[in-house]
């Protein structure tokens, strides 16, 4: 084994907190200081005091990624286009084995040199629907709540964001993010993007500091959607922008679907409002100029099983005789994108 490559046996005794040193320095300043005061303790608790059972296996995969020279990366490309003009066949094999060690890959796609990761979700399609409606991200500090593996974080950075912070409690998503970051930084230098393996509840209340906050695919998982909207508003500076994507149903103002048990085979789905009801919720917590900029029924091409995510996916969650209904008989997933200002 290359002596320059750490193994998980070595890494398991080392703190992962240095991954976040530069971010912690940033959070210690100004309006972000309340988070800076607690983030080290939060990370210590998640990554070390309550270490995930698979963490050492994932670290083994992550640290087996070879160091490469002459790396290129395009953060505006649909798959980030990680390439190199100086990579050997042996290194290609090592990259493939490493990223396979981080399966399942749900959000993407990603191109790791000769390895194309066809993720469960075509997250680039969602970005293409959302991006035209955003206020320019150039110079903005952005929070991405429920960021998954960080695919959209890279696209935000590619569109000029000054800094992007993602929060998602999945430790596997963190390892996938760090795999991309290793080579993105080899190509572009130090990048102001960090994924924190935390929950929205770990973001200190009433920061009023971010220029833009994204919450895509989160609201319907919350038992109290109004509280989530309030939390999102409280992260934003006055005039900051909310970008919200969530499941909705066709219907008039006031109509909401609460599944009896599962929705599209998911137990943790609570409330699916009509579009006008969703806008009312936003207004009630103080958002201004809330408007729906996109409605899209999720297609079998946008969410599906692949070699990189072999478990059940959307086609298994729908009525096999009518793809406009879920397996439970509810309307099939319809996603609305809302833009509003704090």
C-alpha atoms as a PDB file:
ATOM      1  CA  UNK A   1       0.000   0.000   0.000  1.00  0.00           C
ATOM      2  CA  UNK A   2       1.169   3.508  -0.750  1.00  0.00           C
ATOM      3  CA  UNK A   3       2.648   4.789   2.524  1.00  0.00           C
ATOM      4  CA  UNK A   4       1.202   8.226   1.793  1.00  0.00           C
ATOM      5  CA  UNK A   5      -2.331   6.825   1.999  1.00  0.00           C
ATOM      6  CA  UNK A   6      -3.831   6.631   5.456  1.00  0.00           C
ATOM      7  CA  UNK A   7      -5.804   3.567   6.462  1.00  0.00           C
ATOM      8  CA  UNK A   8      -8.875   3.608   8.646  1.00  0.00           C
ATOM      9  CA  UNK A   9      -6.911   1.840  11.393  1.00  0.00           C
ATOM     10  CA  UNK A  10      -4.694   4.900  11.608  1.00  0.00           C
ATOM     11  CA  UNK A  11      -7.471   7.376  10.997  1.00  0.00           C
ATOM     12  CA  UNK A  12      -9.760   5.860  13.613  1.00  0.00           C
ATOM     13  CA  UNK A  13      -7.423   7.098  16.331  1.00  0.00           C
ATOM     14  CA  UNK A  14      -7.226  10.568  14.806  1.00  0.00           C
ATOM     15  CA  UNK A  15      -9.718  13.340  15.105  1.00  0.00           C
ATOM     16  CA  UNK A  16     -11.715  14.237  12.014  1.00  0.00           C
ATOM     17  CA  UNK A  17     -12.265  17.731  13.395  1.00  0.00           C
ATOM     18  CA  UNK A  18      -9.337  19.215  11.404  1.00  0.00           C
ATOM     19  CA  UNK A  19     -11.490  18.752   8.297  1.00  0.00           C
ATOM     20  CA  UNK A  20     -13.485  21.701   9.647  1.00  0.00           C
ATOM     21  CA  UNK A  21     -10.717  23.969  10.983  1.00  0.00           C
ATOM     22  CA  UNK A  22     -11.153  26.693   8.380  1.00  0.00           C
ATOM     23  CA  UNK A  23     -14.936  26.638   8.736  1.00  0.00           C
ATOM     24  CA  UNK A  24     -14.703  26.854  12.516  1.00  0.00           C
ATOM     25  CA  UNK A  25     -12.560  29.982  12.161  1.00  0.00           C
ATOM     26  CA  UNK A  26     -15.197  31.485   9.880  1.00  0.00           C
ATOM     27  CA  UNK A  27     -18.032  30.640  12.267  1.00  0.00           C
ATOM     28  CA  UNK A  28     -16.271  32.355  15.147  1.00  0.00           C
ATOM     29  CA  UNK A  29     -16.832  35.743  13.520  1.00  0.00           C
ATOM     30  CA  UNK A  30     -19.780  38.136  13.567  1.00  0.00           C
ATOM     31  CA  UNK A  31     -23.332  36.863  13.420  1.00  0.00           C
ATOM     32  CA  UNK A  32     -22.139  33.278  13.071  1.00  0.00           C
ATOM     33  CA  UNK A  33     -20.354  33.336  16.449  1.00  0.00           C
ATOM     34  CA  UNK A  34     -23.132  31.497  18.346  1.00  0.00           C
ATOM     35  CA  UNK A  35     -22.549  28.529  16.047  1.00  0.00           C
ATOM     36  CA  UNK A  36     -18.805  28.860  16.258  1.00  0.00           C
ATOM     37  CA  UNK A  37     -19.058  28.544  20.030  1.00  0.00           C
ATOM     38  CA  UNK A  38     -20.653  25.085  19.873  1.00  0.00           C
ATOM     39  CA  UNK A  39     -19.751  23.513  16.525  1.00  0.00           C
ATOM     40  CA  UNK A  40     -16.597  21.770  17.764  1.00  0.00           C
ATOM     41  CA  UNK A  41     -18.555  20.071  20.539  1.00  0.00           C
ATOM     42  CA  UNK A  42     -21.304  19.135  18.068  1.00  0.00           C
ATOM     43  CA  UNK A  43     -18.825  17.533  15.671  1.00  0.00           C
ATOM     44  CA  UNK A  44     -16.965  15.735  18.430  1.00  0.00           C
ATOM     45  CA  UNK A  45     -20.247  14.215  19.580  1.00  0.00           C
ATOM     46  CA  UNK A  46     -21.327  13.033  16.127  1.00  0.00           C
ATOM     47  CA  UNK A  47     -18.021  11.880  14.677  1.00  0.00           C
ATOM     48  CA  UNK A  48     -16.262  10.449  17.707  1.00  0.00           C
ATOM     49  CA  UNK A  49     -18.339  10.158  20.869  1.00  0.00           C
ATOM     50  CA  UNK A  50     -21.166   8.487  18.921  1.00  0.00           C
ATOM     51  CA  UNK A  51     -19.242   7.073  15.988  1.00  0.00           C
ATOM     52  CA  UNK A  52     -21.328   5.327  13.312  1.00  0.00           C
ATOM     53  CA  UNK A  53     -20.737   1.588  13.110  1.00  0.00           C
ATOM     54  CA  UNK A  54     -19.646   1.827   9.464  1.00  0.00           C
ATOM     55  CA  UNK A  55     -17.458   4.884   9.904  1.00  0.00           C
ATOM     56  CA  UNK A  56     -14.147   3.020   9.888  1.00  0.00           C
ATOM     57  CA  UNK A  57     -15.103   1.117   6.733  1.00  0.00           C
ATOM     58  CA  UNK A  58     -16.054   4.357   5.010  1.00  0.00           C
ATOM     59  CA  UNK A  59     -12.834   6.006   6.133  1.00  0.00           C
ATOM     60  CA  UNK A  60     -10.890   3.074   4.747  1.00  0.00           C
ATOM     61  CA  UNK A  61     -12.508   3.731   1.358  1.00  0.00           C
ATOM     62  CA  UNK A  62     -12.024   7.491   1.589  1.00  0.00           C
ATOM     63  CA  UNK A  63      -8.358   7.306   2.551  1.00  0.00           C
ATOM     64  CA  UNK A  64      -7.627   4.771  -0.181  1.00  0.00           C
ATOM     65  CA  UNK A  65      -8.287   7.425  -2.836  1.00  0.00           C
ATOM     66  CA  UNK A  66      -4.894   8.049  -4.456  1.00  0.00           C
ATOM     67  CA  UNK A  67      -3.263  11.448  -4.540  1.00  0.00           C
ATOM     68  CA  UNK A  68      -3.241  12.707  -8.127  1.00  0.00           C
ATOM     69  CA  UNK A  69      -1.581  15.477 -10.073  1.00  0.00           C
ATOM     70  CA  UNK A  70      -2.886  17.648 -12.882  1.00  0.00           C
ATOM     71  CA  UNK A  71      -6.490  17.320 -11.719  1.00  0.00           C
ATOM     72  CA  UNK A  72      -9.237  19.360 -13.344  1.00  0.00           C
ATOM     73  CA  UNK A  73     -12.732  20.086 -12.019  1.00  0.00           C
ATOM     74  CA  UNK A  74     -15.644  22.067 -13.427  1.00  0.00           C
ATOM     75  CA  UNK A  75     -18.154  23.010 -10.736  1.00  0.00           C
ATOM     76  CA  UNK A  76     -20.575  24.196 -13.411  1.00  0.00           C
ATOM     77  CA  UNK A  77     -20.643  20.799 -15.166  1.00  0.00           C
ATOM     78  CA  UNK A  78     -23.582  18.486 -14.522  1.00  0.00           C
ATOM     79  CA  UNK A  79     -21.255  15.817 -13.080  1.00  0.00           C
ATOM     80  CA  UNK A  80     -18.460  18.166 -11.829  1.00  0.00           C
ATOM     81  CA  UNK A  81     -16.127  16.607 -14.423  1.00  0.00           C
ATOM     82  CA  UNK A  82     -13.199  15.458 -12.284  1.00  0.00           C
ATOM     83  CA  UNK A  83     -10.461  14.606 -14.785  1.00  0.00           C
ATOM     84  CA  UNK A  84      -6.694  14.266 -14.900  1.00  0.00           C
ATOM     85  CA  UNK A  85      -4.134  14.159 -17.689  1.00  0.00           C
ATOM     86  CA  UNK A  86      -1.782  12.193 -15.453  1.00  0.00           C
ATOM     87  CA  UNK A  87      -3.574   9.195 -13.969  1.00  0.00           C
ATOM     88  CA  UNK A  88      -2.393   5.617 -14.331  1.00  0.00           C
ATOM     89  CA  UNK A  89      -4.508   2.513 -14.833  1.00  0.00           C
ATOM     90  CA  UNK A  90      -3.558   1.446 -11.304  1.00  0.00           C
ATOM     91  CA  UNK A  91      -4.821   4.742  -9.937  1.00  0.00           C
ATOM     92  CA  UNK A  92      -8.043   4.454 -11.951  1.00  0.00           C
ATOM     93  CA  UNK A  93      -8.639   1.047 -10.380  1.00  0.00           C
ATOM     94  CA  UNK A  94      -7.962   2.467  -6.913  1.00  0.00           C
ATOM     95  CA  UNK A  95     -10.449   5.323  -7.465  1.00  0.00           C
ATOM     96  CA  UNK A  96     -13.123   2.888  -8.642  1.00  0.00           C
ATOM     97  CA  UNK A  97     -12.642   0.615  -5.633  1.00  0.00           C
ATOM     98  CA  UNK A  98     -12.718   3.552  -3.226  1.00  0.00           C
ATOM     99  CA  UNK A  99     -15.945   5.121  -4.489  1.00  0.00           C
ATOM    100  CA  UNK A 100     -17.556   1.679  -4.657  1.00  0.00           C
ATOM    101  CA  UNK A 101     -16.742   1.446  -0.964  1.00  0.00           C
ATOM    102  CA  UNK A 102     -19.038   4.429  -0.402  1.00  0.00           C
ATOM    103  CA  UNK A 103     -22.118   2.881  -2.051  1.00  0.00           C
ATOM    104  CA  UNK A 104     -25.024   3.693  -2.100  1.00  0.00           C
ATOM    105  CA  UNK A 105     -24.697   6.980  -3.991  1.00  0.00           C
ATOM    106  CA  UNK A 106     -28.096   8.687  -4.011  1.00  0.00           C
ATOM    107  CA  UNK A 107     -27.515  12.307  -5.136  1.00  0.00           C
ATOM    108  CA  UNK A 108     -25.405  13.287  -8.129  1.00  0.00           C
ATOM    109  CA  UNK A 109     -24.177  12.398 -10.753  1.00  0.00           C
ATOM    110  CA  UNK A 110     -20.394  12.543 -10.386  1.00  0.00           C
ATOM    111  CA  UNK A 111     -17.520  11.851 -12.742  1.00  0.00           C
ATOM    112  CA  UNK A 112     -14.424  10.542 -10.951  1.00  0.00           C
ATOM    113  CA  UNK A 113     -11.947  10.372 -13.839  1.00  0.00           C
ATOM    114  CA  UNK A 114     -12.910   7.239 -15.840  1.00  0.00           C
ATOM    115  CA  UNK A 115     -15.569   6.268 -13.280  1.00  0.00           C
ATOM    116  CA  UNK A 116     -19.053   7.676 -13.845  1.00  0.00           C
ATOM    117  CA  UNK A 117     -21.279   7.466 -10.783  1.00  0.00           C
ATOM    118  CA  UNK A 118     -24.875   7.206 -11.963  1.00  0.00           C
ATOM    119  CA  UNK A 119     -26.649   8.114  -8.744  1.00  0.00           C
ATOM    120  CA  UNK A 120     -30.238   7.261  -7.829  1.00  0.00           C
ATOM    121  CA  UNK A 121     -31.322  10.874  -8.349  1.00  0.00           C
ATOM    122  CA  UNK A 122     -30.535  13.101 -11.305  1.00  0.00           C
ATOM    123  CA  UNK A 123     -29.932  15.996  -8.958  1.00  0.00           C
ATOM    124  CA  UNK A 124     -28.644  18.015 -11.895  1.00  0.00           C
ATOM    125  CA  UNK A 125     -32.169  18.048 -13.325  1.00  0.00           C
ATOM    126  CA  UNK A 126     -33.482  19.611 -10.130  1.00  0.00           C
ATOM    127  CA  UNK A 127     -30.698  22.201 -10.217  1.00  0.00           C
ATOM    128  CA  UNK A 128     -31.565  23.065 -13.806  1.00  0.00           C
ATOM    129  CA  UNK A 129     -35.170  23.729 -12.735  1.00  0.00           C
ATOM    130  CA  UNK A 130     -34.218  25.779  -9.657  1.00  0.00           C
ATOM    131  CA  UNK A 131     -31.174  27.777 -10.763  1.00  0.00           C
ATOM    132  CA  UNK A 132     -32.889  30.136 -13.254  1.00  0.00           C
ATOM    133  CA  UNK A 133     -35.106  31.510 -10.470  1.00  0.00           C
ATOM    134  CA  UNK A 134     -32.404  32.260  -7.891  1.00  0.00           C
ATOM    135  CA  UNK A 135     -31.085  35.646  -6.976  1.00  0.00           C
ATOM    136  CA  UNK A 136     -27.438  35.710  -8.115  1.00  0.00           C
ATOM    137  CA  UNK A 137     -25.391  33.603  -5.695  1.00  0.00           C
ATOM    138  CA  UNK A 138     -22.198  35.538  -6.326  1.00  0.00           C
ATOM    139  CA  UNK A 139     -20.700  36.606  -3.000  1.00  0.00           C
ATOM    140  CA  UNK A 140     -23.447  35.007  -0.911  1.00  0.00           C
ATOM    141  CA  UNK A 141     -23.052  32.845   2.185  1.00  0.00           C
ATOM    142  CA  UNK A 142     -25.408  29.916   1.712  1.00  0.00           C
ATOM    143  CA  UNK A 143     -26.904  27.292   4.025  1.00  0.00           C
ATOM    144  CA  UNK A 144     -28.134  24.038   2.445  1.00  0.00           C
ATOM    145  CA  UNK A 145     -30.396  22.126   4.841  1.00  0.00           C
ATOM    146  CA  UNK A 146     -30.687  18.397   4.140  1.00  0.00           C
ATOM    147  CA  UNK A 147     -27.893  18.684   1.602  1.00  0.00           C
ATOM    148  CA  UNK A 148     -27.404  14.960   0.984  1.00  0.00           C
ATOM    149  CA  UNK A 149     -23.953  14.214  -0.400  1.00  0.00           C
ATOM    150  CA  UNK A 150     -23.475  17.884  -1.223  1.00  0.00           C
ATOM    151  CA  UNK A 151     -24.091  17.773  -4.970  1.00  0.00           C
ATOM    152  CA  UNK A 152     -26.058  21.011  -4.978  1.00  0.00           C
ATOM    153  CA  UNK A 153     -23.488  22.642  -2.697  1.00  0.00           C
ATOM    154  CA  UNK A 154     -20.871  22.237  -5.426  1.00  0.00           C
ATOM    155  CA  UNK A 155     -23.244  23.709  -7.999  1.00  0.00           C
ATOM    156  CA  UNK A 156     -23.903  26.683  -5.695  1.00  0.00           C
ATOM    157  CA  UNK A 157     -20.163  27.235  -5.387  1.00  0.00           C
ATOM    158  CA  UNK A 158     -19.832  26.935  -9.155  1.00  0.00           C
ATOM    159  CA  UNK A 159     -22.427  29.691  -9.515  1.00  0.00           C
ATOM    160  CA  UNK A 160     -20.323  32.046  -7.406  1.00  0.00           C
ATOM    161  CA  UNK A 161     -21.365  31.573  -3.769  1.00  0.00           C
ATOM    162  CA  UNK A 162     -18.736  32.927  -1.375  1.00  0.00           C
ATOM    163  CA  UNK A 163     -19.264  30.072   1.065  1.00  0.00           C
ATOM    164  CA  UNK A 164     -21.616  27.104   1.278  1.00  0.00           C
ATOM    165  CA  UNK A 165     -22.407  25.217   4.479  1.00  0.00           C
ATOM    166  CA  UNK A 166     -24.478  22.063   4.271  1.00  0.00           C
ATOM    167  CA  UNK A 167     -26.130  20.197   7.123  1.00  0.00           C
ATOM    168  CA  UNK A 168     -27.213  16.579   6.831  1.00  0.00           C
ATOM    169  CA  UNK A 169     -26.975  13.976   9.612  1.00  0.00           C
ATOM    170  CA  UNK A 170     -25.841  11.126   7.330  1.00  0.00           C
ATOM    171  CA  UNK A 171     -22.196  10.259   7.963  1.00  0.00           C
ATOM    172  CA  UNK A 172     -22.044   8.401   4.631  1.00  0.00           C
ATOM    173  CA  UNK A 173     -23.013  11.598   2.805  1.00  0.00           C
ATOM    174  CA  UNK A 174     -20.131  13.324   4.596  1.00  0.00           C
ATOM    175  CA  UNK A 175     -17.652  10.710   3.345  1.00  0.00           C
ATOM    176  CA  UNK A 176     -18.963  11.041  -0.222  1.00  0.00           C
ATOM    177  CA  UNK A 177     -18.650  14.817   0.027  1.00  0.00           C
ATOM    178  CA  UNK A 178     -15.071  14.540   1.283  1.00  0.00           C
ATOM    179  CA  UNK A 179     -14.219  12.240  -1.626  1.00  0.00           C
ATOM    180  CA  UNK A 180     -15.351  14.890  -4.108  1.00  0.00           C
ATOM    181  CA  UNK A 181     -13.674  17.637  -2.095  1.00  0.00           C
ATOM    182  CA  UNK A 182     -10.301  15.867  -2.160  1.00  0.00           C
ATOM    183  CA  UNK A 183     -10.075  16.121  -5.922  1.00  0.00           C
ATOM    184  CA  UNK A 184     -11.988  19.384  -6.344  1.00  0.00           C
ATOM    185  CA  UNK A 185      -9.422  21.063  -4.094  1.00  0.00           C
ATOM    186  CA  UNK A 186      -6.564  19.321  -5.875  1.00  0.00           C
ATOM    187  CA  UNK A 187      -7.829  21.068  -9.001  1.00  0.00           C
ATOM    188  CA  UNK A 188      -9.014  24.416  -7.686  1.00  0.00           C
ATOM    189  CA  UNK A 189      -7.291  24.978  -4.350  1.00  0.00           C
ATOM    190  CA  UNK A 190      -8.979  25.460  -0.991  1.00  0.00           C
ATOM    191  CA  UNK A 191     -12.758  25.663  -1.440  1.00  0.00           C
ATOM    192  CA  UNK A 192     -15.193  27.340   1.005  1.00  0.00           C
ATOM    193  CA  UNK A 193     -17.651  24.438   1.123  1.00  0.00           C
ATOM    194  CA  UNK A 194     -18.255  22.236   4.157  1.00  0.00           C
ATOM    195  CA  UNK A 195     -20.780  19.541   4.963  1.00  0.00           C
ATOM    196  CA  UNK A 196     -21.588  19.273   8.662  1.00  0.00           C
ATOM    197  CA  UNK A 197     -23.092  15.901   9.726  1.00  0.00           C
ATOM    198  CA  UNK A 198     -25.688  17.676  11.835  1.00  0.00           C
ATOM    199  CA  UNK A 199     -29.436  18.247  11.949  1.00  0.00           C
ATOM    200  CA  UNK A 200     -31.317  21.491  11.430  1.00  0.00           C
ATOM    201  CA  UNK A 201     -31.919  21.503  15.171  1.00  0.00           C
ATOM    202  CA  UNK A 202     -28.164  21.866  15.657  1.00  0.00           C
ATOM    203  CA  UNK A 203     -28.114  25.221  13.879  1.00  0.00           C
ATOM    204  CA  UNK A 204     -28.369  27.834  16.652  1.00  0.00           C
ATOM    205  CA  UNK A 205     -31.726  29.626  16.624  1.00  0.00           C
ATOM    206  CA  UNK A 206     -32.222  33.116  15.225  1.00  0.00           C
ATOM    207  CA  UNK A 207     -28.777  33.481  13.612  1.00  0.00           C
ATOM    208  CA  UNK A 208     -30.175  35.854  10.969  1.00  0.00           C
ATOM    209  CA  UNK A 209     -26.855  35.554   9.173  1.00  0.00           C
ATOM    210  CA  UNK A 210     -27.167  33.666   5.863  1.00  0.00           C
ATOM    211  CA  UNK A 211     -27.843  35.360   2.543  1.00  0.00           C
ATOM    212  CA  UNK A 212     -29.609  32.320   1.073  1.00  0.00           C
ATOM    213  CA  UNK A 213     -30.997  29.156   2.636  1.00  0.00           C
ATOM    214  CA  UNK A 214     -31.994  26.067   0.672  1.00  0.00           C
ATOM    215  CA  UNK A 215     -34.323  23.377   2.010  1.00  0.00           C
ATOM    216  CA  UNK A 216     -35.002  20.856  -0.721  1.00  0.00           C
ATOM    217  CA  UNK A 217     -36.758  17.596   0.073  1.00  0.00           C
ATOM    218  CA  UNK A 218     -37.006  18.207   3.820  1.00  0.00           C
ATOM    219  CA  UNK A 219     -40.311  19.894   4.721  1.00  0.00           C
ATOM    220  CA  UNK A 220     -42.517  16.823   4.210  1.00  0.00           C
ATOM    221  CA  UNK A 221     -40.312  14.845   6.598  1.00  0.00           C
ATOM    222  CA  UNK A 222     -40.999  17.287   9.437  1.00  0.00           C
ATOM    223  CA  UNK A 223     -43.783  16.643  11.938  1.00  0.00           C
ATOM    224  CA  UNK A 224     -44.162  20.404  12.301  1.00  0.00           C
ATOM    225  CA  UNK A 225     -43.657  22.038   8.888  1.00  0.00           C
ATOM    226  CA  UNK A 226     -44.509  25.481  10.261  1.00  0.00           C
ATOM    227  CA  UNK A 227     -41.706  25.208  12.798  1.00  0.00           C
ATOM    228  CA  UNK A 228     -39.298  24.205  10.033  1.00  0.00           C
ATOM    229  CA  UNK A 229     -40.273  27.241   7.972  1.00  0.00           C
ATOM    230  CA  UNK A 230     -39.738  29.450  11.014  1.00  0.00           C
ATOM    231  CA  UNK A 231     -36.318  27.889  11.610  1.00  0.00           C
ATOM    232  CA  UNK A 232     -35.372  28.567   8.007  1.00  0.00           C
ATOM    233  CA  UNK A 233     -36.483  32.183   8.220  1.00  0.00           C
ATOM    234  CA  UNK A 234     -34.507  32.649  11.422  1.00  0.00           C
ATOM    235  CA  UNK A 235     -31.276  31.606   9.675  1.00  0.00           C
ATOM    236  CA  UNK A 236     -31.632  34.438   7.143  1.00  0.00           C
ATOM    237  CA  UNK A 237     -30.532  38.030   7.338  1.00  0.00           C
ATOM    238  CA  UNK A 238     -33.300  40.559   6.596  1.00  0.00           C
ATOM    239  CA  UNK A 239     -33.967  40.343   2.863  1.00  0.00           C
ATOM    240  CA  UNK A 240     -32.243  36.975   2.549  1.00  0.00           C
ATOM    241  CA  UNK A 241     -33.663  34.409   0.168  1.00  0.00           C
ATOM    242  CA  UNK A 242     -35.458  31.125   0.885  1.00  0.00           C
ATOM    243  CA  UNK A 243     -35.308  28.352  -1.702  1.00  0.00           C
ATOM    244  CA  UNK A 244     -37.775  25.642  -0.694  1.00  0.00           C
ATOM    245  CA  UNK A 245     -38.597  22.449  -2.555  1.00  0.00           C
ATOM    246  CA  UNK A 246     -41.171  20.033  -1.177  1.00  0.00           C
ATOM    247  CA  UNK A 247     -43.956  17.621  -2.066  1.00  0.00           C
ATOM    248  CA  UNK A 248     -47.392  19.098  -2.724  1.00  0.00           C
ATOM    249  CA  UNK A 249     -50.791  17.928  -3.959  1.00  0.00           C
ATOM    250  CA  UNK A 250     -53.219  19.453  -6.416  1.00  0.00           C
ATOM    251  CA  UNK A 251     -55.962  21.232  -4.529  1.00  0.00           C
ATOM    252  CA  UNK A 252     -57.349  24.559  -3.312  1.00  0.00           C
ATOM    253  CA  UNK A 253     -56.173  26.814  -0.490  1.00  0.00           C
ATOM    254  CA  UNK A 254     -56.416  24.976   2.817  1.00  0.00           C
ATOM    255  CA  UNK A 255     -56.129  21.448   1.466  1.00  0.00           C
ATOM    256  CA  UNK A 256     -53.437  19.192   2.978  1.00  0.00           C
ATOM    257  CA  UNK A 257     -52.766  15.458   2.639  1.00  0.00           C
ATOM    258  CA  UNK A 258     -51.614  13.621   5.756  1.00  0.00           C
ATOM    259  CA  UNK A 259     -50.947   9.974   4.866  1.00  0.00           C
ATOM    260  CA  UNK A 260     -52.578   7.337   7.042  1.00  0.00           C
ATOM    261  CA  UNK A 261     -49.243   5.523   7.340  1.00  0.00           C
ATOM    262  CA  UNK A 262     -46.783   5.480   4.437  1.00  0.00           C
ATOM    263  CA  UNK A 263     -46.505   7.699   1.398  1.00  0.00           C
ATOM    264  CA  UNK A 264     -44.633   6.197  -1.577  1.00  0.00           C
ATOM    265  CA  UNK A 265     -43.422   3.551   0.889  1.00  0.00           C
ATOM    266  CA  UNK A 266     -41.923   6.203   3.182  1.00  0.00           C
ATOM    267  CA  UNK A 267     -43.038   6.227   6.818  1.00  0.00           C
ATOM    268  CA  UNK A 268     -41.639   9.665   7.630  1.00  0.00           C
ATOM    269  CA  UNK A 269     -43.889  11.756   5.398  1.00  0.00           C
ATOM    270  CA  UNK A 270     -46.265  13.977   7.355  1.00  0.00           C
ATOM    271  CA  UNK A 271     -47.904  16.836   5.443  1.00  0.00           C
ATOM    272  CA  UNK A 272     -48.332  17.499   1.716  1.00  0.00           C
ATOM    273  CA  UNK A 273     -50.082  20.855   1.232  1.00  0.00           C
ATOM    274  CA  UNK A 274     -51.642  22.273  -1.884  1.00  0.00           C
ATOM    275  CA  UNK A 275     -49.458  24.939  -3.537  1.00  0.00           C
ATOM    276  CA  UNK A 276     -51.595  27.812  -2.252  1.00  0.00           C
ATOM    277  CA  UNK A 277     -51.573  26.338   1.252  1.00  0.00           C
ATOM    278  CA  UNK A 278     -47.790  26.100   1.134  1.00  0.00           C
ATOM    279  CA  UNK A 279     -47.557  29.756   0.186  1.00  0.00           C
ATOM    280  CA  UNK A 280     -49.885  30.631   3.064  1.00  0.00           C
ATOM    281  CA  UNK A 281     -47.633  28.753   5.482  1.00  0.00           C
ATOM    282  CA  UNK A 282     -44.685  30.817   4.211  1.00  0.00           C
ATOM    283  CA  UNK A 283     -46.559  34.076   4.654  1.00  0.00           C
ATOM    284  CA  UNK A 284     -47.731  33.159   8.138  1.00  0.00           C
ATOM    285  CA  UNK A 285     -44.151  32.808   9.403  1.00  0.00           C
ATOM    286  CA  UNK A 286     -43.179  36.138   7.876  1.00  0.00           C
ATOM    287  CA  UNK A 287     -41.753  35.363   4.446  1.00  0.00           C
ATOM    288  CA  UNK A 288     -42.435  38.000   1.809  1.00  0.00           C
ATOM    289  CA  UNK A 289     -43.215  37.660  -1.887  1.00  0.00           C
ATOM    290  CA  UNK A 290     -43.521  33.880  -1.633  1.00  0.00           C
ATOM    291  CA  UNK A 291     -44.135  32.428  -5.090  1.00  0.00           C
ATOM    292  CA  UNK A 292     -44.033  29.028  -6.737  1.00  0.00           C
ATOM    293  CA  UNK A 293     -41.557  29.004  -9.596  1.00  0.00           C
ATOM    294  CA  UNK A 294     -41.713  25.341 -10.591  1.00  0.00           C
ATOM    295  CA  UNK A 295     -44.049  22.339 -10.324  1.00  0.00           C
ATOM    296  CA  UNK A 296     -42.732  18.967 -11.439  1.00  0.00           C
ATOM    297  CA  UNK A 297     -43.987  15.407 -11.113  1.00  0.00           C
ATOM    298  CA  UNK A 298     -40.974  13.212 -10.387  1.00  0.00           C
ATOM    299  CA  UNK A 299     -40.301  10.926 -13.333  1.00  0.00           C
ATOM    300  CA  UNK A 300     -38.977   7.378 -13.423  1.00  0.00           C
ATOM    301  CA  UNK A 301     -35.941   8.742 -15.247  1.00  0.00           C
ATOM    302  CA  UNK A 302     -35.105  11.279 -12.518  1.00  0.00           C
ATOM    303  CA  UNK A 303     -35.239   8.805  -9.605  1.00  0.00           C
ATOM    304  CA  UNK A 304     -34.357   5.175 -10.246  1.00  0.00           C
ATOM    305  CA  UNK A 305     -32.219   2.249  -9.151  1.00  0.00           C
ATOM    306  CA  UNK A 306     -28.720   2.106 -10.662  1.00  0.00           C
ATOM    307  CA  UNK A 307     -25.534   0.102 -10.255  1.00  0.00           C
ATOM    308  CA  UNK A 308     -24.536   2.682  -7.637  1.00  0.00           C
ATOM    309  CA  UNK A 309     -27.843   2.463  -5.701  1.00  0.00           C
ATOM    310  CA  UNK A 310     -29.310  -1.001  -6.119  1.00  0.00           C
ATOM    311  CA  UNK A 311     -32.146  -0.765  -3.593  1.00  0.00           C
ATOM    312  CA  UNK A 312     -35.781  -0.029  -4.433  1.00  0.00           C
ATOM    313  CA  UNK A 313     -36.508   3.336  -5.991  1.00  0.00           C
ATOM    314  CA  UNK A 314     -39.423   5.311  -7.391  1.00  0.00           C
ATOM    315  CA  UNK A 315     -40.890   2.668  -9.711  1.00  0.00           C
ATOM    316  CA  UNK A 316     -41.186   0.335  -6.710  1.00  0.00           C
ATOM    317  CA  UNK A 317     -43.040   3.029  -4.752  1.00  0.00           C
ATOM    318  CA  UNK A 318     -45.734   3.667  -7.356  1.00  0.00           C
ATOM    319  CA  UNK A 319     -48.864   1.742  -8.333  1.00  0.00           C
ATOM    320  CA  UNK A 320     -47.621  -0.661 -11.042  1.00  0.00           C
ATOM    321  CA  UNK A 321     -50.830  -0.134 -13.006  1.00  0.00           C
ATOM    322  CA  UNK A 322     -50.876   3.671 -12.703  1.00  0.00           C
ATOM    323  CA  UNK A 323     -47.665   5.689 -12.264  1.00  0.00           C
ATOM    324  CA  UNK A 324     -49.764   8.727 -11.343  1.00  0.00           C
ATOM    325  CA  UNK A 325     -50.501   7.081  -7.992  1.00  0.00           C
ATOM    326  CA  UNK A 326     -48.295   5.857  -5.175  1.00  0.00           C
ATOM    327  CA  UNK A 327     -48.407   2.234  -4.055  1.00  0.00           C
ATOM    328  CA  UNK A 328     -50.837   3.373  -1.349  1.00  0.00           C
ATOM    329  CA  UNK A 329     -53.166   5.080  -3.849  1.00  0.00           C
ATOM    330  CA  UNK A 330     -52.156   8.678  -3.110  1.00  0.00           C
ATOM    331  CA  UNK A 331     -51.217  11.148  -5.863  1.00  0.00           C
ATOM    332  CA  UNK A 332     -47.703  10.467  -7.202  1.00  0.00           C
ATOM    333  CA  UNK A 333     -44.893  12.762  -6.004  1.00  0.00           C
ATOM    334  CA  UNK A 334     -45.374  16.320  -7.229  1.00  0.00           C
ATOM    335  CA  UNK A 335     -42.647  18.772  -6.220  1.00  0.00           C
ATOM    336  CA  UNK A 336     -43.012  22.532  -5.875  1.00  0.00           C
ATOM    337  CA  UNK A 337     -40.177  25.059  -5.693  1.00  0.00           C
ATOM    338  CA  UNK A 338     -40.899  28.193  -3.671  1.00  0.00           C
ATOM    339  CA  UNK A 339     -38.776  31.354  -3.608  1.00  0.00           C
ATOM    340  CA  UNK A 340     -39.389  33.944  -0.881  1.00  0.00           C
ATOM    341  CA  UNK A 341     -37.579  36.668   1.055  1.00  0.00           C
ATOM    342  CA  UNK A 342     -37.126  37.054   4.813  1.00  0.00           C
END
